[in-house]
Amino acid sequence: MYEAGSWPIRLQQIIDEFSGVDDSMERIEMLFEYAREIDELPMSEWCDDTKVHGCQSEAHVLPMQNDDGTFHLMGASDAKLVQGLMAITAIALEGLAPSEVAIFSSDYASEMGLMNALTPSRANGFRNMFRKVVQAAQEMGE
């Protein structure tokens, strides 16, 4: 299981990058930069099945599998902050087996210092998005 101390290399690099920043606003700016790195889900594909319910923003994710059966996440939001969180999640999970994603810990967001930088409603939206992704991975593994 991937958890604190054993993150995939790319995610550990991002955690280290964020951990080196003390200012919450600077962390938010960094999220804005990551927002561009997600495989963006076109608005034409936004629907109730892709919607992250309980998120303050309009947010959509589409968990899927690469041709080799590994995990891939597409997503988009009308808020750059939310899309940045999605992008980091997508980077963290890219190429893992769905069974690995199904038990992946969301603690990386806390290690990055993001959960303290987010408003309670944004933090709740992140948790809802992560649960949706994990649930989809569990269904892929069945």
Protein backbone atom coordinates (compact mmCIF):
# COMPACT_ATOMS: atom_id res chain seq x y z
CA MET A 1 0.00 0.00 0.00
CA TYR A 2 1.21 3.49 -0.82
CA GLU A 3 1.25 5.70 2.25
CA ALA A 4 3.50 8.18 4.03
CA GLY A 5 7.13 7.28 3.50
CA SER A 6 6.48 5.04 0.51
CA TRP A 7 4.86 7.31 -2.07
CA PRO A 8 5.47 6.88 -5.79
CA ILE A 9 8.60 8.86 -6.79
CA ARG A 10 6.80 11.61 -8.73
CA LEU A 11 4.38 12.21 -5.85
CA GLN A 12 7.22 12.27 -3.31
CA GLN A 13 8.91 14.97 -5.41
CA ILE A 14 5.73 17.05 -5.32
CA ILE A 15 5.36 16.51 -1.55
CA ASP A 16 8.95 17.65 -1.05
CA GLU A 17 8.36 20.70 -3.24
CA PHE A 18 5.28 21.75 -1.25
CA SER A 19 6.85 20.88 2.11
CA GLY A 20 9.64 23.37 1.41
CA VAL A 21 7.12 26.22 1.31
CA ASP A 22 5.86 27.74 4.57
CA ASP A 23 3.36 30.22 3.14
CA SER A 24 -0.18 28.87 2.54
CA MET A 25 -0.83 31.37 -0.24
CA GLU A 26 2.31 30.24 -2.05
CA ARG A 27 1.09 26.63 -1.82
CA ILE A 28 -2.19 27.71 -3.39
CA GLU A 29 -0.26 29.41 -6.22
CA MET A 30 1.66 26.18 -6.74
CA LEU A 31 -1.67 24.33 -7.05
CA PHE A 32 -2.67 26.79 -9.78
CA GLU A 33 0.50 25.81 -11.66
CA TYR A 34 -0.30 22.10 -11.37
CA ALA A 35 -3.85 22.71 -12.68
CA ARG A 36 -2.42 22.73 -16.20
CA GLU A 37 -0.91 19.27 -15.83
CA ILE A 38 -4.08 17.18 -15.75
CA ASP A 39 -5.44 15.32 -18.75
CA GLU A 40 -8.36 17.72 -18.97
CA LEU A 41 -11.87 16.32 -19.28
CA PRO A 42 -13.69 18.35 -21.96
CA MET A 43 -16.80 20.20 -20.75
CA SER A 44 -18.81 18.28 -23.34
CA GLU A 45 -18.18 15.15 -21.22
CA TRP A 46 -19.23 16.70 -17.91
CA CYS A 47 -22.29 14.88 -16.61
CA ASP A 48 -23.77 13.62 -13.37
CA ASP A 49 -21.60 10.48 -13.51
CA THR A 50 -18.38 12.54 -13.63
CA LYS A 51 -19.51 15.24 -11.17
CA VAL A 52 -17.86 15.41 -7.76
CA HIS A 53 -20.84 15.88 -5.49
CA GLY A 54 -20.28 17.93 -2.36
CA CYS A 55 -17.60 20.05 -3.97
CA GLN A 56 -17.94 23.82 -3.70
CA SER A 57 -16.89 24.20 -7.34
CA GLU A 58 -18.10 22.52 -10.48
CA ALA A 59 -15.68 19.58 -10.56
CA HIS A 60 -15.63 16.45 -12.70
CA VAL A 61 -13.38 13.39 -12.77
CA LEU A 62 -13.28 10.44 -15.12
CA PRO A 63 -11.23 7.53 -13.78
CA MET A 64 -10.27 5.09 -16.53
CA GLN A 65 -7.68 2.53 -17.49
CA ASN A 66 -4.77 2.90 -19.86
CA ASP A 67 -4.39 0.32 -22.63
CA ASP A 68 -2.15 -1.74 -20.34
CA GLY A 69 -4.83 -1.85 -17.60
CA THR A 70 -3.16 0.72 -15.33
CA PHE A 71 -5.01 3.65 -13.80
CA HIS A 72 -5.50 7.02 -15.50
CA LEU A 73 -7.48 10.02 -14.28
CA MET A 74 -8.99 12.78 -16.37
CA GLY A 75 -10.56 15.76 -14.65
CA ALA A 76 -11.55 19.38 -14.84
CA SER A 77 -13.04 22.11 -12.71
CA ASP A 78 -14.18 25.67 -12.99
CA ALA A 79 -11.75 26.48 -10.15
CA LYS A 80 -7.99 26.30 -10.75
CA LEU A 81 -7.35 25.35 -7.13
CA VAL A 82 -9.61 22.29 -7.42
CA GLN A 83 -8.15 21.36 -10.79
CA GLY A 84 -4.67 21.58 -9.24
CA LEU A 85 -5.70 19.11 -6.54
CA MET A 86 -7.05 16.82 -9.25
CA ALA A 87 -3.83 17.11 -11.22
CA ILE A 88 -1.68 16.12 -8.25
CA THR A 89 -4.02 13.22 -7.57
CA ALA A 90 -3.76 12.15 -11.21
CA ILE A 91 0.05 12.32 -11.07
CA ALA A 92 0.04 10.30 -7.84
CA LEU A 93 -2.12 7.53 -9.27
CA GLU A 94 -1.00 7.40 -12.91
CA GLY A 95 0.15 3.98 -13.99
CA LEU A 96 -0.77 2.17 -10.78
CA ALA A 97 -2.88 -0.97 -10.83
CA PRO A 98 -6.53 -0.24 -9.97
CA SER A 99 -6.08 -2.50 -6.92
CA GLU A 100 -3.28 -0.17 -5.70
CA VAL A 101 -5.43 2.92 -6.27
CA ALA A 102 -8.29 1.28 -4.37
CA ILE A 103 -6.18 1.27 -1.17
CA PHE A 104 -4.15 4.44 -1.80
CA SER A 105 -4.06 6.89 1.11
CA SER A 106 -5.07 10.52 0.64
CA ASP A 107 -2.59 11.52 3.38
CA TYR A 108 -0.29 12.99 0.73
CA ALA A 109 -2.44 16.15 0.76
CA SER A 110 -1.76 16.62 4.48
CA GLU A 111 1.95 15.92 4.03
CA MET A 112 2.02 18.67 1.41
CA GLY A 113 0.49 21.10 3.92
CA LEU A 114 -2.56 21.54 1.71
CA MET A 115 -5.29 20.46 4.08
CA ASN A 116 -4.40 23.33 6.43
CA ALA A 117 -4.31 25.77 3.50
CA LEU A 118 -7.79 24.84 2.24
CA THR A 119 -11.09 26.12 3.54
CA PRO A 120 -13.17 23.40 5.22
CA SER A 121 -15.50 23.20 2.21
CA ARG A 122 -12.54 22.83 -0.22
CA ALA A 123 -10.98 20.16 2.00
CA ASN A 124 -14.32 18.33 2.03
CA GLY A 125 -14.50 18.61 -1.77
CA PHE A 126 -11.02 17.09 -2.04
CA ARG A 127 -12.06 14.17 0.16
CA ASN A 128 -15.22 13.63 -1.92
CA MET A 129 -13.19 13.69 -5.14
CA PHE A 130 -10.66 11.23 -3.73
CA ARG A 131 -13.41 8.88 -2.51
CA LYS A 132 -15.00 8.94 -5.98
CA VAL A 133 -11.67 8.02 -7.59
CA VAL A 134 -10.97 5.22 -5.10
CA GLN A 135 -14.48 3.82 -5.54
CA ALA A 136 -14.04 3.78 -9.33
CA ALA A 137 -10.71 1.95 -8.92
CA GLN A 138 -12.40 -0.62 -6.67
CA GLU A 139 -15.03 -1.19 -9.34
CA MET A 140 -12.32 -1.60 -12.01
CA GLY A 141 -10.70 -4.28 -9.90
CA GLU A 142 -13.87 -6.34 -9.54
